Amino acid sequence: MDISADRVEGPWVFKKIDVRIKNSDNSKQTIEIIRDSEKQ
């Protein structure tokens, strides 16, 4: 899991959450949960 977040005297603001899955056949998949729209 990859997480990027900021916090400045308040609640956490999540910019990115990705989950990486490795399958039994050694293939990998990344599922994007949250992506900061300003960075795209």
Protein backbone atom coordinates (compact mmCIF):
# COMPACT_ATOMS: atom_id res chain seq x y z
CA MET A 1 0.00 0.00 0.00
CA ASP A 2 1.29 3.45 -0.89
CA ILE A 3 -0.09 6.44 1.01
CA SER A 4 0.70 10.14 0.67
CA ALA A 5 -0.90 12.61 3.10
CA ASP A 6 -0.33 16.02 4.68
CA ARG A 7 -1.36 17.43 8.03
CA VAL A 8 -0.90 21.01 9.22
CA GLU A 9 -2.69 21.73 12.53
CA GLY A 10 -5.84 19.91 11.49
CA PRO A 11 -7.12 16.71 9.96
CA TRP A 12 -5.04 14.56 7.63
CA VAL A 13 -5.54 15.29 3.91
CA PHE A 14 -4.85 12.20 1.80
CA LYS A 15 -3.35 12.90 -1.61
CA LYS A 16 -2.78 9.35 -2.81
CA ILE A 17 -3.75 5.83 -1.74
CA ASP A 18 -2.78 2.89 -3.95
CA VAL A 19 -3.03 -0.83 -3.17
CA ARG A 20 -0.63 -3.19 -4.94
CA ILE A 21 -1.63 -6.84 -5.41
CA LYS A 22 0.71 -9.64 -6.43
CA ASN A 23 -1.20 -12.53 -8.02
CA SER A 24 -0.23 -16.19 -7.77
CA ASP A 25 1.13 -16.13 -11.35
CA ASN A 26 3.60 -13.34 -10.32
CA SER A 27 1.64 -10.65 -12.17
CA LYS A 28 1.10 -7.38 -10.31
CA GLN A 29 -1.86 -5.03 -10.22
CA THR A 30 -2.19 -1.54 -8.70
CA ILE A 31 -5.60 -0.33 -7.60
CA GLU A 32 -5.90 3.44 -7.27
CA ILE A 33 -8.12 4.34 -4.30
CA ILE A 34 -7.51 8.11 -4.05
CA ARG A 35 -5.55 10.38 -6.40
CA ASP A 36 -5.00 14.12 -5.86
CA SER A 37 -6.67 15.74 -8.87
CA GLU A 38 -4.28 18.72 -8.73
CA LYS A 39 -1.27 16.44 -9.46
CA GLN A 40 -2.67 14.86 -12.65
